[in-house]
Protein backbone atom coordinates (compact mmCIF):
# COMPACT_ATOMS: atom_id res chain seq x y z
CA UNK A 1 17.13 22.39 -13.32
CA UNK A 2 19.30 22.92 -11.39
CA UNK A 3 21.02 25.32 -13.83
CA UNK A 4 18.10 27.77 -13.79
CA UNK A 5 18.11 27.85 -9.98
CA UNK A 6 21.88 28.36 -9.87
CA UNK A 7 21.64 31.19 -12.42
CA UNK A 8 18.89 32.90 -10.40
CA UNK A 9 20.98 32.76 -7.21
CA UNK A 10 24.16 33.93 -8.98
CA UNK A 11 22.31 36.87 -10.53
CA UNK A 12 21.44 38.05 -7.02
CA UNK A 13 24.98 37.75 -5.71
CA UNK A 14 24.67 34.43 -3.90
CA UNK A 15 27.57 32.01 -4.46
CA UNK A 16 26.67 28.41 -5.27
CA UNK A 17 28.97 25.40 -5.32
CA UNK A 18 27.87 22.51 -7.55
CA UNK A 19 28.74 18.98 -6.42
CA UNK A 20 28.36 16.23 -9.02
CA UNK A 21 27.17 13.00 -7.42
CA UNK A 22 28.46 10.81 -10.27
CA UNK A 23 32.07 11.59 -9.27
CA UNK A 24 31.62 10.06 -5.78
CA UNK A 25 32.61 13.29 -4.01
CA UNK A 26 32.49 14.11 -0.32
CA UNK A 27 30.74 16.98 1.41
CA UNK A 28 33.32 17.01 4.18
CA UNK A 29 33.61 20.79 3.76
CA UNK A 30 29.91 21.34 4.42
CA UNK A 31 29.42 23.70 7.33
CA UNK A 32 26.65 24.04 9.86
CA UNK A 33 24.22 26.50 8.35
CA UNK A 34 25.05 25.76 4.72
CA UNK A 35 21.97 25.07 2.60
CA UNK A 36 22.16 21.96 0.44
CA UNK A 37 19.70 21.36 -2.40
CA UNK A 38 19.66 17.85 -3.87
CA UNK A 39 18.87 17.61 -7.58
CA UNK A 40 20.19 14.29 -8.85
CA UNK A 41 18.77 10.82 -9.50
CA UNK A 42 22.20 9.23 -9.07
CA UNK A 43 22.15 6.70 -6.18
CA UNK A 44 25.14 8.47 -4.61
CA UNK A 45 23.16 11.69 -4.20
CA UNK A 46 21.20 10.41 -1.20
CA UNK A 47 24.43 9.48 0.57
CA UNK A 48 25.75 12.99 -0.05
CA UNK A 49 22.62 14.55 1.37
CA UNK A 50 22.82 12.35 4.47
CA UNK A 51 26.49 13.27 4.89
CA UNK A 52 25.71 16.99 4.64
CA UNK A 53 22.86 16.66 7.10
CA UNK A 54 25.11 14.83 9.59
CA UNK A 55 27.61 17.73 9.36
CA UNK A 56 24.94 20.23 10.30
CA UNK A 57 23.96 21.54 6.89
CA UNK A 58 20.36 22.54 6.28
CA UNK A 59 18.59 20.55 3.56
CA UNK A 60 15.74 21.82 1.43
CA UNK A 61 14.43 18.23 1.45
CA UNK A 62 15.74 15.37 3.57
CA UNK A 63 17.06 12.13 2.01
CA UNK A 64 14.60 9.83 3.80
CA UNK A 65 11.66 11.79 2.36
CA UNK A 66 13.20 11.78 -1.11
CA UNK A 67 13.73 8.01 -0.91
CA UNK A 68 10.03 7.53 -0.10
CA UNK A 69 9.23 9.03 -3.50
CA UNK A 70 11.94 7.30 -5.54
CA UNK A 71 10.84 3.83 -4.44
CA UNK A 72 7.67 3.59 -6.54
CA UNK A 73 6.18 0.75 -4.46
CA UNK A 74 6.69 2.65 -1.22
CA UNK A 75 5.35 5.77 -2.89
CA UNK A 76 2.17 4.04 -4.08
CA UNK A 77 1.56 2.55 -0.65
CA UNK A 78 2.06 5.89 1.07
CA UNK A 79 -0.40 7.56 -1.30
CA UNK A 80 -2.97 4.83 -0.70
CA UNK A 81 -2.56 5.05 3.10
CA UNK A 82 -3.13 8.80 2.86
CA UNK A 83 -6.40 8.16 1.05
CA UNK A 84 -5.15 9.72 -2.19
CA UNK A 85 -6.43 8.41 -5.54
CA UNK A 86 -3.97 5.93 -7.04
CA UNK A 87 -4.48 3.02 -9.48
CA UNK A 88 -4.78 -0.48 -8.04
CA UNK A 89 -1.16 -1.64 -7.75
CA UNK A 90 0.60 -5.00 -7.32
CA UNK A 91 4.29 -5.87 -7.18
CA UNK A 92 5.54 -8.37 -9.75
CA UNK A 93 8.99 -9.91 -9.38
CA UNK A 94 9.21 -11.76 -12.69
CA UNK A 95 7.22 -12.24 -15.90
CA UNK A 96 5.41 -15.35 -14.70
CA UNK A 97 3.80 -13.26 -11.94
CA UNK A 98 1.86 -11.47 -14.69
CA UNK A 99 0.42 -14.77 -15.91
CA UNK A 100 -1.10 -15.29 -12.46
CA UNK A 101 -3.19 -12.13 -12.79
CA UNK A 102 -6.82 -12.52 -13.93
CA UNK A 103 -7.63 -11.50 -17.53
CA UNK A 104 -9.69 -8.60 -16.18
CA UNK A 105 -6.46 -7.03 -14.84
CA UNK A 106 -5.45 -6.13 -18.39
CA UNK A 107 -4.64 -3.67 -19.82
CA UNK A 108 -2.23 -2.55 -17.13
CA UNK A 109 0.78 -0.28 -16.87
CA UNK A 110 4.09 -1.90 -15.99
CA UNK A 111 6.84 0.27 -14.51
CA UNK A 112 10.19 -0.43 -12.77
CA UNK A 113 10.14 0.09 -9.01
CA UNK A 114 13.07 2.51 -9.30
CA UNK A 115 12.19 3.98 -12.69
CA UNK A 116 12.40 7.62 -13.67
CA UNK A 117 10.97 9.90 -16.40
CA UNK A 118 8.76 7.11 -17.79
CA UNK A 119 11.79 5.00 -18.71
CA UNK A 120 10.80 1.36 -18.98
CA UNK A 121 7.07 2.08 -18.60
CA UNK A 122 4.86 -0.09 -20.82
CA UNK A 123 1.18 -0.73 -21.37
CA UNK A 124 0.44 -4.47 -21.40
CA UNK A 125 -2.76 -5.82 -22.92
CA UNK A 126 -1.80 -9.41 -22.13
CA UNK A 127 0.70 -11.19 -19.85
CA UNK A 128 3.27 -11.31 -22.67
CA UNK A 129 5.84 -8.79 -21.50
CA UNK A 130 9.02 -9.14 -23.58
CA UNK A 131 12.40 -8.02 -22.12
CA UNK A 132 12.26 -7.77 -18.34
CA UNK A 133 15.51 -6.29 -17.04
CA UNK A 134 15.78 -8.30 -13.83
CA UNK A 135 14.23 -5.89 -11.30
CA UNK A 136 10.81 -5.87 -9.66
CA UNK A 137 8.07 -3.90 -11.39
CA UNK A 138 4.78 -2.37 -10.41
CA UNK A 139 1.68 -3.45 -12.31
CA UNK A 140 -0.94 -0.73 -12.10
CA UNK A 141 -4.49 -0.60 -13.41
CA UNK A 142 -4.67 1.29 -16.70
CA UNK A 143 -6.46 4.64 -16.45
CA UNK A 144 -8.13 5.91 -19.62
CA UNK A 145 -7.42 9.63 -19.79
CA UNK A 146 -7.65 10.39 -23.50
CA UNK A 147 -3.90 10.20 -24.05
CA UNK A 148 -3.07 13.26 -21.92
CA UNK A 149 -1.73 13.88 -18.44
CA UNK A 150 -1.48 16.75 -15.99
CA UNK A 151 1.78 17.74 -14.34
CA UNK A 152 1.31 19.44 -10.99
CA UNK A 153 4.36 21.28 -9.66
CA UNK A 154 4.88 22.44 -6.07
CA UNK A 155 7.57 24.68 -4.58
CA UNK A 156 6.75 25.42 -0.98
CA UNK A 157 3.22 26.84 -1.00
CA UNK A 158 3.30 27.75 -4.70
CA UNK A 159 1.64 25.44 -7.24
CA UNK A 160 1.38 25.28 -11.04
CA UNK A 161 -0.10 22.90 -13.60
CA UNK A 162 0.63 21.95 -17.20
CA UNK A 163 -1.15 19.54 -19.55
CA UNK A 164 0.66 17.48 -22.19
CA UNK A 165 0.26 14.30 -24.22
CA UNK A 166 1.08 11.24 -22.17
CA UNK A 167 4.76 10.14 -22.45
CA UNK A 168 3.37 6.75 -23.48
CA UNK A 169 1.94 8.56 -26.54
CA UNK A 170 4.69 11.13 -27.18
CA UNK A 171 7.70 11.10 -24.84
CA UNK A 172 9.01 14.41 -26.24
CA UNK A 173 5.81 16.45 -26.22
CA UNK A 174 5.80 19.84 -24.49
CA UNK A 175 3.17 20.83 -21.97
CA UNK A 176 1.08 23.99 -21.83
CA UNK A 177 0.11 25.90 -18.73
CA UNK A 178 -3.40 25.34 -17.41
CA UNK A 179 -5.31 26.75 -14.47
CA UNK A 180 -5.34 24.87 -11.19
CA UNK A 181 -8.85 23.99 -10.07
CA UNK A 182 -9.68 23.96 -6.34
CA UNK A 183 -9.91 20.16 -6.54
CA UNK A 184 -6.41 19.87 -7.99
CA UNK A 185 -5.01 22.34 -5.46
CA UNK A 186 -6.45 20.27 -2.64
CA UNK A 187 -5.03 17.08 -4.16
CA UNK A 188 -1.56 18.62 -4.46
CA UNK A 189 -1.67 19.95 -0.90
CA UNK A 190 -2.66 16.54 0.48
CA UNK A 191 0.20 14.92 -1.44
CA UNK A 192 2.66 17.51 -0.13
CA UNK A 193 1.50 16.76 3.42
CA UNK A 194 1.83 13.00 2.86
CA UNK A 195 5.47 13.20 1.75
CA UNK A 196 6.63 16.27 3.67
CA UNK A 197 8.62 17.55 0.69
CA UNK A 198 9.23 21.18 -0.23
CA UNK A 199 9.60 20.47 -3.96
CA UNK A 200 7.26 18.01 -5.63
CA UNK A 201 5.94 16.98 -9.02
CA UNK A 202 2.79 14.92 -9.57
CA UNK A 203 1.70 13.08 -12.71
CA UNK A 204 -2.09 13.06 -12.72
CA UNK A 205 -4.51 11.38 -15.11
CA UNK A 206 -8.01 12.80 -15.44
CA UNK A 207 -10.76 10.27 -16.17
CA UNK A 208 -14.53 10.08 -15.68
CA UNK A 209 -13.82 8.83 -12.15
CA UNK A 210 -11.78 11.95 -11.31
CA UNK A 211 -8.03 12.65 -11.01
CA UNK A 212 -5.63 9.78 -10.29
CA UNK A 213 -2.01 10.17 -9.22
CA UNK A 214 0.22 7.83 -11.24
CA UNK A 215 3.67 9.16 -10.30
CA UNK A 216 5.39 11.47 -7.82
CA UNK A 217 8.83 13.06 -8.23
CA UNK A 218 11.02 15.09 -5.92
CA UNK A 219 12.48 18.23 -7.51
CA UNK A 220 10.93 17.82 -10.98
CA UNK A 221 12.06 19.79 -14.04
CA UNK A 222 9.27 22.38 -13.68
CA UNK A 223 9.11 22.39 -17.48
CA UNK A 224 7.10 25.33 -18.78
CA UNK A 225 6.95 27.09 -15.41
CA UNK A 226 9.12 30.18 -15.82
CA UNK A 227 8.44 31.32 -12.24
CA UNK A 228 9.89 28.14 -10.68
CA UNK A 229 13.59 29.15 -10.40
CA UNK A 230 12.65 32.33 -8.52
CA UNK A 231 10.20 30.49 -6.27
CA UNK A 232 12.78 27.84 -5.37
CA UNK A 233 15.50 30.45 -5.02
CA UNK A 234 13.42 32.35 -2.48
CA UNK A 235 12.96 29.15 -0.50
CA UNK A 236 16.73 28.64 -0.43
CA UNK A 237 17.36 32.23 0.63
CA UNK A 238 14.75 31.95 3.37
CA UNK A 239 16.74 29.02 4.78
CA UNK A 240 20.03 30.94 4.59
CA UNK A 241 18.50 33.88 6.45
CA UNK A 242 17.41 31.55 9.22
CA UNK A 243 20.97 30.12 9.33
CA UNK A 244 23.32 33.11 9.16
CA UNK A 245 26.43 30.90 8.98
CA UNK A 246 25.02 30.73 5.43
CA UNK A 247 26.50 29.50 2.13
CA UNK A 248 24.16 27.94 -0.42
CA UNK A 249 25.23 24.70 -2.03
CA UNK A 250 23.46 22.60 -4.69
CA UNK A 251 24.24 18.88 -4.79
């Protein structure tokens, strides 16, 4: 993504303009009725989405809702307020904060507040942390899930699931499709309602206590879900039909 989505739209005769956030572009040419799909973790991408929205473009997902997911502390708090299962979480600003935690808090998972794709995520079995990097981190209770995780993918009302080794075990492992149980479907639907996003990815650990959400991503890769480009493409086309000034753009 987003290449697969762009290819699907092109194959059906729908022009798409790609805007690369890294180049600090402007969406001054965005027109009322254009559909803008954000698929970038670059900080500039949220500004571009806000600019397009201010010019009257239609967004698949709004920047304020995307930001609620990218900020991992805000995300964890929103999940907890919604009554969704998340690990016990505390914010730590520097390594000495870890030494204030009781021994029973370990092992724990340490992750940057603005991390992505498991970068910088570590399992700590003691307060000794090593290189820090200067930004706040989340310290979350470790969930024993047998070294595997579920990826739940949502595109509108469509849902899929894959299971793969945890990225803490094998960061390059591929997932395999698995059936969605009613319990997992309900969990995904509640998460979608909590964030109000059209596209969503959930990292879920399954333990004896039940499923636990350990990460949420907007517009995930949908790895292993061949139907995803078509499902997302149909969502984009539905928006263009409702806004006949049309023009589909992907930022």
